[in-house]
Amino acid sequence: MAISQLQPLLKLVGMSRRRFLYGLDQVPDDRLNWSPGGAALPPLALAGKTAGFLTAVTHMVRERAMPERPGSPPAPPPGREEAKAAVDAAFGQLHSAIGALTEADLQQPVTMPWGETITLGEMLWSVGSVIGYHQGQLNYLQLAYGDTNPNMPPDWGYGER
């Protein structure tokens, strides 16, 4: 079982996983590769980017270092099921990596992408905000094509708006 101070983060990761996957299920087939324009990623590419972010964070949690950056962004998943599988697996790996941490691990140094060195415990505070950023991008894409529902899992009791 994970140390007590990481329980809220693990809950957040689990809830974020459910919400992102549910949100992907709500995207109509004809909108999976749709973008409102500019640099806005379509839902499948956003799912790939989200899985990539989660994988990078998992690497940082396990190795205390940034992973090697690929020369170019990976291709987006080709379809909904592949996107969901990639996101689900990446959330699962992150959950597992966080759940295995000890008190001593939280004090280990990690160098962030912008060069600052902080403790792993401090770094973990940023995970929720970036996951929320990705969720917000998916919701904004949905809003851009007319879906005004925040697409929260129905058993959360939020209901239709």
Protein backbone atom coordinates (compact mmCIF):
# COMPACT_ATOMS: atom_id res chain seq x y z
CA MET A 1 0.00 0.00 0.00
CA ALA A 2 1.22 3.49 -0.83
CA ILE A 3 2.42 5.83 1.88
CA SER A 4 -0.38 7.93 3.35
CA GLN A 5 0.71 11.31 1.97
CA LEU A 6 0.47 9.95 -1.59
CA GLN A 7 -3.07 8.61 -1.22
CA PRO A 8 -4.72 11.88 -2.39
CA LEU A 9 -2.45 11.99 -5.45
CA LEU A 10 -3.25 8.37 -6.29
CA LYS A 11 -6.97 9.18 -5.99
CA LEU A 12 -6.49 12.16 -8.33
CA VAL A 13 -4.62 10.02 -10.86
CA GLY A 14 -7.37 7.38 -10.74
CA MET A 15 -10.17 9.92 -11.14
CA SER A 16 -8.31 11.68 -13.95
CA ARG A 17 -7.86 8.37 -15.73
CA ARG A 18 -11.59 7.65 -15.58
CA ARG A 19 -12.55 11.14 -16.71
CA PHE A 20 -10.13 11.30 -19.64
CA LEU A 21 -11.16 7.84 -20.88
CA TYR A 22 -14.84 8.68 -20.49
CA GLY A 23 -14.25 11.94 -22.34
CA LEU A 24 -12.62 10.09 -25.25
CA ASP A 25 -15.66 7.83 -25.43
CA GLN A 26 -17.88 10.90 -25.82
CA VAL A 27 -16.04 12.19 -28.89
CA PRO A 28 -18.07 11.35 -32.01
CA ASP A 29 -16.23 9.21 -34.56
CA ASP A 30 -16.16 12.05 -37.08
CA ARG A 31 -14.45 14.35 -34.55
CA LEU A 32 -11.61 12.05 -33.45
CA ASN A 33 -9.24 13.64 -35.98
CA TRP A 34 -10.92 17.05 -36.03
CA SER A 35 -9.18 20.24 -34.95
CA PRO A 36 -10.63 23.75 -34.75
CA GLY A 37 -7.45 24.92 -36.49
CA GLY A 38 -4.03 26.30 -35.82
CA ALA A 39 -1.88 24.25 -33.47
CA ALA A 40 -4.89 22.72 -31.68
CA LEU A 41 -4.46 18.95 -31.59
CA PRO A 42 -7.36 16.71 -32.54
CA PRO A 43 -8.63 14.36 -29.79
CA LEU A 44 -6.58 11.33 -30.93
CA ALA A 45 -3.37 13.36 -31.03
CA LEU A 46 -4.20 14.90 -27.65
CA ALA A 47 -4.66 11.39 -26.25
CA GLY A 48 -1.24 10.44 -27.62
CA LYS A 49 0.30 13.59 -26.12
CA THR A 50 -1.34 12.84 -22.77
CA ALA A 51 -0.05 9.26 -22.80
CA GLY A 52 3.41 10.60 -23.66
CA PHE A 53 3.33 13.08 -20.79
CA LEU A 54 2.23 10.39 -18.33
CA THR A 55 4.97 8.08 -19.57
CA ALA A 56 7.58 10.83 -19.14
CA VAL A 57 6.40 11.56 -15.60
CA THR A 58 6.48 7.84 -14.80
CA HIS A 59 10.07 7.73 -16.04
CA MET A 60 10.95 10.69 -13.83
CA VAL A 61 9.32 9.03 -10.82
CA ARG A 62 11.18 5.78 -11.40
CA GLU A 63 14.54 7.06 -12.68
CA ARG A 64 14.72 10.55 -11.11
CA ALA A 65 15.63 11.95 -14.52
CA MET A 66 13.94 13.19 -17.68
CA PRO A 67 13.59 10.59 -20.42
CA GLU A 68 15.33 11.06 -23.74
CA ARG A 69 13.29 13.28 -26.03
CA PRO A 70 12.41 11.82 -29.42
CA GLY A 71 13.54 13.72 -32.50
CA SER A 72 9.93 14.28 -33.52
CA PRO A 73 6.59 13.78 -31.84
CA PRO A 74 5.22 10.25 -32.13
CA ALA A 75 2.33 9.63 -34.48
CA PRO A 76 -1.09 9.87 -32.84
CA PRO A 77 -2.94 6.65 -32.11
CA PRO A 78 -4.83 5.54 -35.23
CA GLY A 79 -8.21 5.11 -33.53
CA ARG A 80 -10.25 5.50 -30.38
CA GLU A 81 -9.47 2.07 -28.93
CA GLU A 82 -5.73 2.47 -29.48
CA ALA A 83 -5.87 5.94 -27.92
CA LYS A 84 -7.78 4.68 -24.92
CA ALA A 85 -5.40 1.74 -24.49
CA ALA A 86 -2.36 4.06 -24.58
CA VAL A 87 -3.86 6.54 -22.11
CA ASP A 88 -5.14 3.78 -19.82
CA ALA A 89 -1.77 2.01 -19.77
CA ALA A 90 0.12 5.26 -19.14
CA PHE A 91 -2.17 6.23 -16.24
CA GLY A 92 -1.77 2.70 -14.85
CA GLN A 93 2.02 2.87 -15.01
CA LEU A 94 2.05 6.27 -13.30
CA HIS A 95 -0.30 5.03 -10.58
CA SER A 96 1.94 2.01 -10.00
CA ALA A 97 5.14 4.08 -9.91
CA ILE A 98 3.69 6.57 -7.41
CA GLY A 99 2.26 3.76 -5.30
CA ALA A 100 5.70 2.17 -4.95
CA LEU A 101 7.40 5.29 -3.57
CA THR A 102 8.78 5.48 -0.05
CA GLU A 103 9.34 8.44 2.26
CA ALA A 104 13.02 8.37 1.33
CA ASP A 105 12.18 8.44 -2.39
CA LEU A 106 10.26 11.68 -1.94
CA GLN A 107 13.47 13.41 -0.82
CA GLN A 108 15.45 12.39 -3.90
CA PRO A 109 16.46 15.19 -6.29
CA VAL A 110 14.89 15.51 -9.73
CA THR A 111 15.95 18.02 -12.37
CA MET A 112 12.96 19.56 -14.07
CA PRO A 113 12.82 20.31 -17.83
CA TRP A 114 13.57 24.00 -17.16
CA GLY A 115 16.75 23.10 -15.22
CA GLU A 116 15.60 23.55 -11.62
CA THR A 117 16.42 20.71 -9.25
CA ILE A 118 13.71 19.92 -6.69
CA THR A 119 12.73 16.90 -4.65
CA LEU A 120 10.61 14.17 -6.17
CA GLY A 121 7.98 14.99 -3.55
CA GLU A 122 7.83 18.58 -4.82
CA MET A 123 7.68 17.42 -8.43
CA LEU A 124 4.67 15.25 -7.68
CA TRP A 125 2.69 18.36 -6.75
CA SER A 126 2.80 19.45 -10.41
CA VAL A 127 1.39 16.22 -11.82
CA GLY A 128 -2.26 17.05 -11.12
CA SER A 129 -2.08 20.46 -12.76
CA VAL A 130 -0.65 19.09 -16.01
CA ILE A 131 -3.16 16.24 -16.08
CA GLY A 132 -5.88 18.86 -15.58
CA TYR A 133 -4.39 20.91 -18.41
CA HIS A 134 -4.71 17.94 -20.77
CA GLN A 135 -8.27 17.26 -19.58
CA GLY A 136 -9.10 20.90 -20.17
CA GLN A 137 -7.76 20.69 -23.72
CA LEU A 138 -10.02 17.72 -24.44
CA ASN A 139 -13.02 19.53 -22.96
CA TYR A 140 -12.22 22.67 -24.94
CA LEU A 141 -12.01 20.68 -28.17
CA GLN A 142 -15.40 19.18 -27.36
CA LEU A 143 -16.80 22.63 -26.66
CA ALA A 144 -15.42 23.91 -29.98
CA TYR A 145 -17.54 21.41 -31.91
CA GLY A 146 -20.62 22.08 -29.80
CA ASP A 147 -20.46 19.56 -26.95
CA THR A 148 -21.25 21.69 -23.89
CA ASN A 149 -21.36 18.73 -21.49
CA PRO A 150 -18.24 18.56 -19.26
CA ASN A 151 -18.27 14.78 -19.89
CA MET A 152 -17.74 13.57 -16.36
CA PRO A 153 -18.41 9.88 -15.72
CA PRO A 154 -22.15 9.55 -14.98
CA ASP A 155 -21.64 7.76 -11.68
CA TRP A 156 -19.95 10.90 -10.33
CA GLY A 157 -23.44 12.37 -9.91
CA TYR A 158 -22.70 15.51 -11.88
CA GLY A 159 -25.47 14.97 -14.40
CA GLU A 160 -26.21 16.63 -17.72
CA ARG A 161 -25.93 20.40 -18.04
